[in-house]
PDB file of N, CA and C in Angstrom:
ATOM      1  N   MET A   1       0.269  -0.961  -3.713  1.00  0.00           N
ATOM      2  CA  MET A   1       0.364  -0.671  -2.294  1.00  0.00           C
ATOM      3  C   MET A   1       0.451  -1.981  -1.516  1.00  0.00           C
ATOM      4  N   THR A   2       1.485  -2.150  -0.737  1.00  0.00           N
ATOM      5  CA  THR A   2       1.640  -3.338   0.089  1.00  0.00           C
ATOM      6  C   THR A   2       0.766  -3.197   1.321  1.00  0.00           C
ATOM      7  N   ARG A   3      -0.008  -4.222   1.557  1.00  0.00           N
ATOM      8  CA  ARG A   3      -0.870  -4.200   2.735  1.00  0.00           C
ATOM      9  C   ARG A   3      -0.224  -5.000   3.842  1.00  0.00           C
ATOM     10  N   GLU A   4      -0.102  -4.380   5.008  1.00  0.00           N
ATOM     11  CA  GLU A   4       0.434  -5.051   6.186  1.00  0.00           C
ATOM     12  C   GLU A   4      -0.431  -4.666   7.371  1.00  0.00           C
ATOM     13  N   HIS A   5      -0.810  -5.650   8.129  1.00  0.00           N
ATOM     14  CA  HIS A   5      -1.634  -5.414   9.303  1.00  0.00           C
ATOM     15  C   HIS A   5      -0.973  -6.042  10.519  1.00  0.00           C
ATOM     16  N   ILE A   6      -1.153  -5.405  11.672  1.00  0.00           N
ATOM     17  CA  ILE A   6      -0.598  -5.900  12.929  1.00  0.00           C
ATOM     18  C   ILE A   6      -1.749  -6.141  13.893  1.00  0.00           C
ATOM     19  N   TYR A   7      -1.747  -7.305  14.518  1.00  0.00           N
ATOM     20  CA  TYR A   7      -2.803  -7.708  15.448  1.00  0.00           C
ATOM     21  C   TYR A   7      -2.173  -8.230  16.721  1.00  0.00           C
ATOM     22  N   THR A   8      -2.832  -7.954  17.840  1.00  0.00           N
ATOM     23  CA  THR A   8      -2.436  -8.541  19.119  1.00  0.00           C
ATOM     24  C   THR A   8      -3.697  -9.068  19.781  1.00  0.00           C
ATOM     25  N   PRO A   9      -3.890 -10.392  19.747  1.00  0.00           N
ATOM     26  CA  PRO A   9      -5.100 -10.957  20.337  1.00  0.00           C
ATOM     27  C   PRO A   9      -5.075 -10.839  21.856  1.00  0.00           C
ATOM     28  N   SER A  10      -6.247 -10.794  22.447  1.00  0.00           N
ATOM     29  CA  SER A  10      -6.332 -10.798  23.899  1.00  0.00           C
ATOM     30  C   SER A  10      -5.938 -12.183  24.411  1.00  0.00           C
ATOM     31  N   ALA A  11      -5.692 -12.288  25.701  1.00  0.00           N
ATOM     32  CA  ALA A  11      -5.307 -13.569  26.290  1.00  0.00           C
ATOM     33  C   ALA A  11      -6.406 -14.614  26.125  1.00  0.00           C
ATOM     34  N   ALA A  12      -7.660 -14.170  25.991  1.00  0.00           N
ATOM     35  CA  ALA A  12      -8.785 -15.100  25.863  1.00  0.00           C
ATOM     36  C   ALA A  12      -8.964 -15.609  24.430  1.00  0.00           C
ATOM     37  N   GLU A  13      -8.385 -14.922  23.459  1.00  0.00           N
ATOM     38  CA  GLU A  13      -8.538 -15.312  22.053  1.00  0.00           C
ATOM     39  C   GLU A  13      -7.493 -16.348  21.652  1.00  0.00           C
ATOM     40  N   GLN A  14      -7.912 -17.322  20.857  1.00  0.00           N
ATOM     41  CA  GLN A  14      -6.960 -18.286  20.320  1.00  0.00           C
ATOM     42  C   GLN A  14      -6.153 -17.620  19.222  1.00  0.00           C
ATOM     43  N   LEU A  15      -4.870 -17.791  19.292  1.00  0.00           N
ATOM     44  CA  LEU A  15      -3.977 -17.193  18.306  1.00  0.00           C
ATOM     45  C   LEU A  15      -4.301 -17.680  16.902  1.00  0.00           C
ATOM     46  N   SER A  16      -4.594 -18.951  16.764  1.00  0.00           N
ATOM     47  CA  SER A  16      -4.882 -19.514  15.440  1.00  0.00           C
ATOM     48  C   SER A  16      -6.109 -18.852  14.808  1.00  0.00           C
ATOM     49  N   GLU A  17      -7.129 -18.578  15.585  1.00  0.00           N
ATOM     50  CA  GLU A  17      -8.315 -17.897  15.051  1.00  0.00           C
ATOM     51  C   GLU A  17      -7.979 -16.470  14.637  1.00  0.00           C
ATOM     52  N   THR A  18      -7.178 -15.799  15.448  1.00  0.00           N
ATOM     53  CA  THR A  18      -6.773 -14.439  15.123  1.00  0.00           C
ATOM     54  C   THR A  18      -6.025 -14.403  13.792  1.00  0.00           C
ATOM     55  N   ILE A  19      -5.173 -15.388  13.561  1.00  0.00           N
ATOM     56  CA  ILE A  19      -4.400 -15.432  12.313  1.00  0.00           C
ATOM     57  C   ILE A  19      -5.322 -15.585  11.118  1.00  0.00           C
ATOM     58  N   VAL A  20      -6.293 -16.474  11.207  1.00  0.00           N
ATOM     59  CA  VAL A  20      -7.224 -16.680  10.087  1.00  0.00           C
ATOM     60  C   VAL A  20      -7.981 -15.392   9.777  1.00  0.00           C
ATOM     61  N   PHE A  21      -8.502 -14.731  10.801  1.00  0.00           N
ATOM     62  CA  PHE A  21      -9.238 -13.487  10.590  1.00  0.00           C
ATOM     63  C   PHE A  21      -8.316 -12.376  10.089  1.00  0.00           C
ATOM     64  N   ALA A  22      -7.066 -12.347  10.563  1.00  0.00           N
ATOM     65  CA  ALA A  22      -6.113 -11.323  10.129  1.00  0.00           C
ATOM     66  C   ALA A  22      -5.761 -11.490   8.654  1.00  0.00           C
ATOM     67  N   VAL A  23      -5.522 -12.721   8.225  1.00  0.00           N
ATOM     68  CA  VAL A  23      -5.214 -12.972   6.813  1.00  0.00           C
ATOM     69  C   VAL A  23      -6.411 -12.608   5.940  1.00  0.00           C
ATOM     70  N   ALA A  24      -7.598 -13.006   6.364  1.00  0.00           N
ATOM     71  CA  ALA A  24      -8.799 -12.694   5.587  1.00  0.00           C
ATOM     72  C   ALA A  24      -8.998 -11.179   5.471  1.00  0.00           C
ATOM     73  N   GLU A  25      -8.800 -10.460   6.556  1.00  0.00           N
ATOM     74  CA  GLU A  25      -8.956  -9.003   6.517  1.00  0.00           C
ATOM     75  C   GLU A  25      -7.909  -8.370   5.598  1.00  0.00           C
ATOM     76  N   THR A  26      -6.695  -8.857   5.671  1.00  0.00           N
ATOM     77  CA  THR A  26      -5.632  -8.334   4.817  1.00  0.00           C
ATOM     78  C   THR A  26      -5.951  -8.563   3.346  1.00  0.00           C
ATOM     79  N   LYS A  27      -6.506  -9.739   3.026  1.00  0.00           N
ATOM     80  CA  LYS A  27      -6.872 -10.070   1.649  1.00  0.00           C
ATOM     81  C   LYS A  27      -8.198  -9.421   1.227  1.00  0.00           C
ATOM     82  N   GLY A  28      -8.983  -8.929   2.186  1.00  0.00           N
ATOM     83  CA  GLY A  28     -10.263  -8.310   1.869  1.00  0.00           C
ATOM     84  C   GLY A  28     -11.347  -9.313   1.530  1.00  0.00           C
ATOM     85  N   VAL A  29     -11.283 -10.505   2.165  1.00  0.00           N
ATOM     86  CA  VAL A  29     -12.270 -11.549   1.905  1.00  0.00           C
ATOM     87  C   VAL A  29     -12.807 -12.100   3.222  1.00  0.00           C
ATOM     88  N   ASP A  30     -13.881 -12.862   3.114  1.00  0.00           N
ATOM     89  CA  ASP A  30     -14.425 -13.576   4.255  1.00  0.00           C
ATOM     90  C   ASP A  30     -13.462 -14.719   4.605  1.00  0.00           C
ATOM     91  N   PRO A  31     -13.273 -15.038   5.878  1.00  0.00           N
ATOM     92  CA  PRO A  31     -12.368 -16.136   6.243  1.00  0.00           C
ATOM     93  C   PRO A  31     -12.681 -17.458   5.539  1.00  0.00           C
ATOM     94  N   LEU A  32     -13.939 -17.706   5.246  1.00  0.00           N
ATOM     95  CA  LEU A  32     -14.314 -18.948   4.569  1.00  0.00           C
ATOM     96  C   LEU A  32     -13.935 -18.943   3.090  1.00  0.00           C
ATOM     97  N   GLU A  33     -13.595 -17.778   2.549  1.00  0.00           N
ATOM     98  CA  GLU A  33     -13.223 -17.670   1.137  1.00  0.00           C
ATOM     99  C   GLU A  33     -11.719 -17.760   0.892  1.00  0.00           C
ATOM    100  N   LEU A  34     -10.927 -17.933   1.955  1.00  0.00           N
ATOM    101  CA  LEU A  34      -9.484 -18.051   1.782  1.00  0.00           C
ATOM    102  C   LEU A  34      -9.157 -19.309   0.988  1.00  0.00           C
ATOM    103  N   ASN A  35      -8.144 -19.225   0.128  1.00  0.00           N
ATOM    104  CA  ASN A  35      -7.792 -20.366  -0.720  1.00  0.00           C
ATOM    105  C   ASN A  35      -6.922 -21.393   0.002  1.00  0.00           C
ATOM    106  N   GLU A  36      -6.532 -21.127   1.237  1.00  0.00           N
ATOM    107  CA  GLU A  36      -5.779 -22.070   2.066  1.00  0.00           C
ATOM    108  C   GLU A  36      -6.342 -22.042   3.472  1.00  0.00           C
ATOM    109  N   ARG A  37      -6.222 -23.141   4.140  1.00  0.00           N
ATOM    110  CA  ARG A  37      -6.610 -23.227   5.551  1.00  0.00           C
ATOM    111  C   ARG A  37      -5.335 -23.165   6.386  1.00  0.00           C
ATOM    112  N   LEU A  38      -5.453 -22.697   7.597  1.00  0.00           N
ATOM    113  CA  LEU A  38      -4.288 -22.566   8.466  1.00  0.00           C
ATOM    114  C   LEU A  38      -3.588 -23.909   8.632  1.00  0.00           C
ATOM    115  N   TYR A  39      -4.344 -24.977   8.804  1.00  0.00           N
ATOM    116  CA  TYR A  39      -3.731 -26.292   9.020  1.00  0.00           C
ATOM    117  C   TYR A  39      -3.021 -26.824   7.780  1.00  0.00           C
ATOM    118  N   ASP A  40      -3.236 -26.201   6.599  1.00  0.00           N
ATOM    119  CA  ASP A  40      -2.465 -26.557   5.409  1.00  0.00           C
ATOM    120  C   ASP A  40      -1.047 -25.981   5.477  1.00  0.00           C
ATOM    121  N   CYS A  41      -0.856 -24.975   6.330  1.00  0.00           N
ATOM    122  CA  CYS A  41       0.406 -24.242   6.387  1.00  0.00           C
ATOM    123  C   CYS A  41       1.227 -24.528   7.643  1.00  0.00           C
ATOM    124  N   ILE A  42       0.525 -24.747   8.743  1.00  0.00           N
ATOM    125  CA  ILE A  42       1.189 -24.917  10.035  1.00  0.00           C
ATOM    126  C   ILE A  42       0.213 -25.612  10.987  1.00  0.00           C
ATOM    127  N   ASN A  43       0.726 -26.277  11.989  1.00  0.00           N
ATOM    128  CA  ASN A  43      -0.128 -26.948  12.962  1.00  0.00           C
ATOM    129  C   ASN A  43      -0.715 -25.906  13.915  1.00  0.00           C
ATOM    130  N   PRO A  44      -2.025 -25.620  13.824  1.00  0.00           N
ATOM    131  CA  PRO A  44      -2.610 -24.564  14.655  1.00  0.00           C
ATOM    132  C   PRO A  44      -2.556 -24.872  16.145  1.00  0.00           C
ATOM    133  N   ASP A  45      -2.708 -26.145  16.540  1.00  0.00           N
ATOM    134  CA  ASP A  45      -2.646 -26.491  17.960  1.00  0.00           C
ATOM    135  C   ASP A  45      -1.255 -26.235  18.527  1.00  0.00           C
ATOM    136  N   ALA A  46      -0.239 -26.619  17.769  1.00  0.00           N
ATOM    137  CA  ALA A  46       1.139 -26.379  18.211  1.00  0.00           C
ATOM    138  C   ALA A  46       1.424 -24.881  18.302  1.00  0.00           C
ATOM    139  N   LEU A  47       0.916 -24.124  17.355  1.00  0.00           N
ATOM    140  CA  LEU A  47       1.106 -22.673  17.364  1.00  0.00           C
ATOM    141  C   LEU A  47       0.446 -22.047  18.588  1.00  0.00           C
ATOM    142  N   ASP A  48      -0.783 -22.473  18.893  1.00  0.00           N
ATOM    143  CA  ASP A  48      -1.478 -21.958  20.080  1.00  0.00           C
ATOM    144  C   ASP A  48      -0.697 -22.275  21.354  1.00  0.00           C
ATOM    145  N   ARG A  49      -0.154 -23.500  21.436  1.00  0.00           N
ATOM    146  CA  ARG A  49       0.609 -23.889  22.633  1.00  0.00           C
ATOM    147  C   ARG A  49       1.929 -23.129  22.721  1.00  0.00           C
ATOM    148  N   LEU A  50       2.596 -22.975  21.583  1.00  0.00           N
ATOM    149  CA  LEU A  50       3.888 -22.295  21.561  1.00  0.00           C
ATOM    150  C   LEU A  50       3.778 -20.848  22.022  1.00  0.00           C
ATOM    151  N   PHE A  51       2.692 -20.192  21.643  1.00  0.00           N
ATOM    152  CA  PHE A  51       2.515 -18.781  21.976  1.00  0.00           C
ATOM    153  C   PHE A  51       1.414 -18.566  23.004  1.00  0.00           C
ATOM    154  N   ALA A  52       1.183 -19.545  23.861  1.00  0.00           N
ATOM    155  CA  ALA A  52       0.188 -19.387  24.930  1.00  0.00           C
ATOM    156  C   ALA A  52       0.621 -18.240  25.840  1.00  0.00           C
ATOM    157  N   PRO A  53      -0.342 -17.456  26.306  1.00  0.00           N
ATOM    158  CA  PRO A  53       0.011 -16.347  27.195  1.00  0.00           C
ATOM    159  C   PRO A  53       0.727 -16.868  28.451  1.00  0.00           C
ATOM    160  N   VAL A  54       1.867 -16.277  28.748  1.00  0.00           N
ATOM    161  CA  VAL A  54       2.643 -16.647  29.934  1.00  0.00           C
ATOM    162  C   VAL A  54       3.080 -15.381  30.644  1.00  0.00           C
ATOM    163  N   LYS A  55       3.337 -15.532  31.926  1.00  0.00           N
ATOM    164  CA  LYS A  55       3.882 -14.398  32.677  1.00  0.00           C
ATOM    165  C   LYS A  55       5.383 -14.383  32.488  1.00  0.00           C
ATOM    166  N   GLY A  56       5.938 -13.210  32.428  1.00  0.00           N
ATOM    167  CA  GLY A  56       7.376 -13.090  32.243  1.00  0.00           C
ATOM    168  C   GLY A  56       7.729 -12.877  30.783  1.00  0.00           C
ATOM    169  N   ASP A  57       8.997 -12.755  30.556  1.00  0.00           N
ATOM    170  CA  ASP A  57       9.479 -12.501  29.196  1.00  0.00           C
ATOM    171  C   ASP A  57       9.553 -13.793  28.399  1.00  0.00           C
ATOM    172  N   SER A  58       9.219 -13.690  27.148  1.00  0.00           N
ATOM    173  CA  SER A  58       9.410 -14.804  26.226  1.00  0.00           C
ATOM    174  C   SER A  58       9.938 -14.214  24.919  1.00  0.00           C
ATOM    175  N   ALA A  59      10.678 -14.996  24.199  1.00  0.00           N
ATOM    176  CA  ALA A  59      11.258 -14.504  22.952  1.00  0.00           C
ATOM    177  C   ALA A  59      11.078 -15.544  21.873  1.00  0.00           C
ATOM    178  N   GLY A  60      11.105 -15.098  20.657  1.00  0.00           N
ATOM    179  CA  GLY A  60      11.006 -16.005  19.524  1.00  0.00           C
ATOM    180  C   GLY A  60       9.946 -15.550  18.554  1.00  0.00           C
ATOM    181  N   SER A  61       9.993 -16.145  17.377  1.00  0.00           N
ATOM    182  CA  SER A  61       8.997 -15.833  16.364  1.00  0.00           C
ATOM    183  C   SER A  61       8.867 -17.014  15.417  1.00  0.00           C
ATOM    184  N   VAL A  62       7.752 -17.048  14.712  1.00  0.00           N
ATOM    185  CA  VAL A  62       7.477 -18.057  13.705  1.00  0.00           C
ATOM    186  C   VAL A  62       7.007 -17.311  12.468  1.00  0.00           C
ATOM    187  N   VAL A  63       7.529 -17.702  11.308  1.00  0.00           N
ATOM    188  CA  VAL A  63       7.141 -17.084  10.043  1.00  0.00           C
ATOM    189  C   VAL A  63       6.684 -18.186   9.098  1.00  0.00           C
ATOM    190  N   PHE A  64       5.535 -17.975   8.457  1.00  0.00           N
ATOM    191  CA  PHE A  64       5.038 -18.927   7.468  1.00  0.00           C
ATOM    192  C   PHE A  64       4.184 -18.176   6.461  1.00  0.00           C
ATOM    193  N   ARG A  65       3.824 -18.851   5.397  1.00  0.00           N
ATOM    194  CA  ARG A  65       2.994 -18.256   4.353  1.00  0.00           C
ATOM    195  C   ARG A  65       1.618 -18.899   4.358  1.00  0.00           C
ATOM    196  N   MET A  66       0.624 -18.046   4.121  1.00  0.00           N
ATOM    197  CA  MET A  66      -0.758 -18.523   4.048  1.00  0.00           C
ATOM    198  C   MET A  66      -1.532 -17.624   3.091  1.00  0.00           C
ATOM    199  N   ALA A  67      -2.157 -18.211   2.098  1.00  0.00           N
ATOM    200  CA  ALA A  67      -3.045 -17.498   1.172  1.00  0.00           C
ATOM    201  C   ALA A  67      -2.382 -16.273   0.539  1.00  0.00           C
ATOM    202  N   GLY A  68      -1.120 -16.412   0.186  1.00  0.00           N
ATOM    203  CA  GLY A  68      -0.412 -15.304  -0.454  1.00  0.00           C
ATOM    204  C   GLY A  68       0.084 -14.240   0.508  1.00  0.00           C
ATOM    205  N   CYS A  69       0.034 -14.545   1.799  1.00  0.00           N
ATOM    206  CA  CYS A  69       0.493 -13.599   2.816  1.00  0.00           C
ATOM    207  C   CYS A  69       1.668 -14.181   3.589  1.00  0.00           C
ATOM    208  N   ARG A  70       2.527 -13.301   4.039  1.00  0.00           N
ATOM    209  CA  ARG A  70       3.597 -13.690   4.960  1.00  0.00           C
ATOM    210  C   ARG A  70       3.077 -13.388   6.355  1.00  0.00           C
ATOM    211  N   VAL A  71       3.018 -14.421   7.189  1.00  0.00           N
ATOM    212  CA  VAL A  71       2.501 -14.276   8.549  1.00  0.00           C
ATOM    213  C   VAL A  71       3.663 -14.431   9.518  1.00  0.00           C
ATOM    214  N   THR A  72       3.843 -13.450  10.372  1.00  0.00           N
ATOM    215  CA  THR A  72       4.881 -13.505  11.395  1.00  0.00           C
ATOM    216  C   THR A  72       4.193 -13.432  12.750  1.00  0.00           C
ATOM    217  N   VAL A  73       4.468 -14.416  13.597  1.00  0.00           N
ATOM    218  CA  VAL A  73       3.966 -14.398  14.970  1.00  0.00           C
ATOM    219  C   VAL A  73       5.173 -14.156  15.853  1.00  0.00           C
ATOM    220  N   GLU A  74       5.108 -13.086  16.620  1.00  0.00           N
ATOM    221  CA  GLU A  74       6.233 -12.689  17.460  1.00  0.00           C
ATOM    222  C   GLU A  74       5.905 -12.931  18.924  1.00  0.00           C
ATOM    223  N   SER A  75       6.945 -12.897  19.749  1.00  0.00           N
ATOM    224  CA  SER A  75       6.711 -13.032  21.182  1.00  0.00           C
ATOM    225  C   SER A  75       5.717 -11.959  21.612  1.00  0.00           C
ATOM    226  N   GLY A  76       4.942 -12.257  22.599  1.00  0.00           N
ATOM    227  CA  GLY A  76       3.878 -11.346  23.005  1.00  0.00           C
ATOM    228  C   GLY A  76       2.620 -11.552  22.184  1.00  0.00           C
ATOM    229  N   ARG A  77       2.629 -12.595  21.316  1.00  0.00           N
ATOM    230  CA  ARG A  77       1.481 -12.966  20.493  1.00  0.00           C
ATOM    231  C   ARG A  77       1.113 -11.894  19.464  1.00  0.00           C
ATOM    232  N   THR A  78       2.061 -11.105  19.048  1.00  0.00           N
ATOM    233  CA  THR A  78       1.820 -10.119  17.998  1.00  0.00           C
ATOM    234  C   THR A  78       1.836 -10.829  16.653  1.00  0.00           C
ATOM    235  N   VAL A  79       0.824 -10.557  15.843  1.00  0.00           N
ATOM    236  CA  VAL A  79       0.692 -11.171  14.529  1.00  0.00           C
ATOM    237  C   VAL A  79       0.832 -10.072  13.477  1.00  0.00           C
ATOM    238  N   VAL A  80       1.793 -10.244  12.572  1.00  0.00           N
ATOM    239  CA  VAL A  80       1.997  -9.298  11.480  1.00  0.00           C
ATOM    240  C   VAL A  80       1.694 -10.042  10.181  1.00  0.00           C
ATOM    241  N   VAL A  81       0.751  -9.509   9.404  1.00  0.00           N
ATOM    242  CA  VAL A  81       0.354 -10.135   8.148  1.00  0.00           C
ATOM    243  C   VAL A  81       0.667  -9.168   7.016  1.00  0.00           C
ATOM    244  N   ARG A  82       1.438  -9.656   6.051  1.00  0.00           N
ATOM    245  CA  ARG A  82       1.816  -8.837   4.893  1.00  0.00           C
ATOM    246  C   ARG A  82       1.345  -9.545   3.628  1.00  0.00           C
ATOM    247  N   ASP A  83       0.571  -8.856   2.830  1.00  0.00           N
ATOM    248  CA  ASP A  83       0.059  -9.415   1.579  1.00  0.00           C
ATOM    249  C   ASP A  83       1.169  -9.370   0.543  1.00  0.00           C
ATOM    250  N   GLU A  84       1.802 -10.505   0.298  1.00  0.00           N
ATOM    251  CA  GLU A  84       2.921 -10.551  -0.641  1.00  0.00           C
ATOM    252  C   GLU A  84       2.459 -10.506  -2.088  1.00  0.00           C
ATOM    253  N   GLU A  85       1.262 -10.948  -2.365  1.00  0.00           N
ATOM    254  CA  GLU A  85       0.758 -10.903  -3.750  1.00  0.00           C
ATOM    255  C   GLU A  85       0.596  -9.469  -4.220  1.00  0.00           C
ATOM    256  N   SER A  86       0.080  -8.587  -3.369  1.00  0.00           N
ATOM    257  CA  SER A  86      -0.111  -7.202  -3.791  1.00  0.00           C
ATOM    258  C   SER A  86       1.221  -6.498  -3.949  1.00  0.00           C
ATOM    259  N   SER A  87       2.229  -6.854  -3.142  1.00  0.00           N
ATOM    260  CA  SER A  87       3.537  -6.209  -3.274  1.00  0.00           C
ATOM    261  C   SER A  87       4.244  -6.679  -4.541  1.00  0.00           C
ATOM    262  N   GLN A  88       4.032  -7.935  -4.951  1.00  0.00           N
ATOM    263  CA  GLN A  88       4.627  -8.418  -6.181  1.00  0.00           C
ATOM    264  C   GLN A  88       3.994  -7.748  -7.388  1.00  0.00           C
ATOM    265  N   VAL A  89       2.700  -7.542  -7.355  1.00  0.00           N
ATOM    266  CA  VAL A  89       2.011  -6.887  -8.467  1.00  0.00           C
ATOM    267  C   VAL A  89       2.521  -5.463  -8.613  1.00  0.00           C
ATOM    268  N   GLU A  90       2.697  -4.773  -7.495  1.00  0.00           N
ATOM    269  CA  GLU A  90       3.177  -3.400  -7.543  1.00  0.00           C
ATOM    270  C   GLU A  90       4.555  -3.291  -8.155  1.00  0.00           C
ATOM    271  N   ALA A  91       5.402  -4.270  -7.872  1.00  0.00           N
ATOM    272  CA  ALA A  91       6.783  -4.200  -8.350  1.00  0.00           C
ATOM    273  C   ALA A  91       6.837  -4.269  -9.877  1.00  0.00           C
ATOM    274  N   PHE A  92       5.816  -4.821 -10.508  1.00  0.00           N
ATOM    275  CA  PHE A  92       5.824  -4.985 -11.957  1.00  0.00           C
ATOM    276  C   PHE A  92       4.930  -3.975 -12.677  1.00  0.00           C
ATOM    277  N   THR A  93       4.273  -3.084 -11.966  1.00  0.00           N
ATOM    278  CA  THR A  93       3.400  -2.108 -12.625  1.00  0.00           C
ATOM    279  C   THR A  93       4.106  -0.793 -12.810  1.00  0.00           C
TER     280      THR A  93
END
């Protein structure tokens, strides 16, 4: 079973923190138990600035991998986390 979760942080939440918690929840582990840190994959400060809440329309997305997950950040600060390790295991069972 492929696990995919969708998150939309509030304007007060840092996007980078939301991503760490989203990946950990998708993997079913504590955030401190992840085998990669966000800064190993992408610059968290740049990500927070790029997707800072703004008025009006914005477009774009960023895709990267973290801890065996594909993380997509879309305009509107929507975070989609897909556990690629579980989908690969399923394909071979």
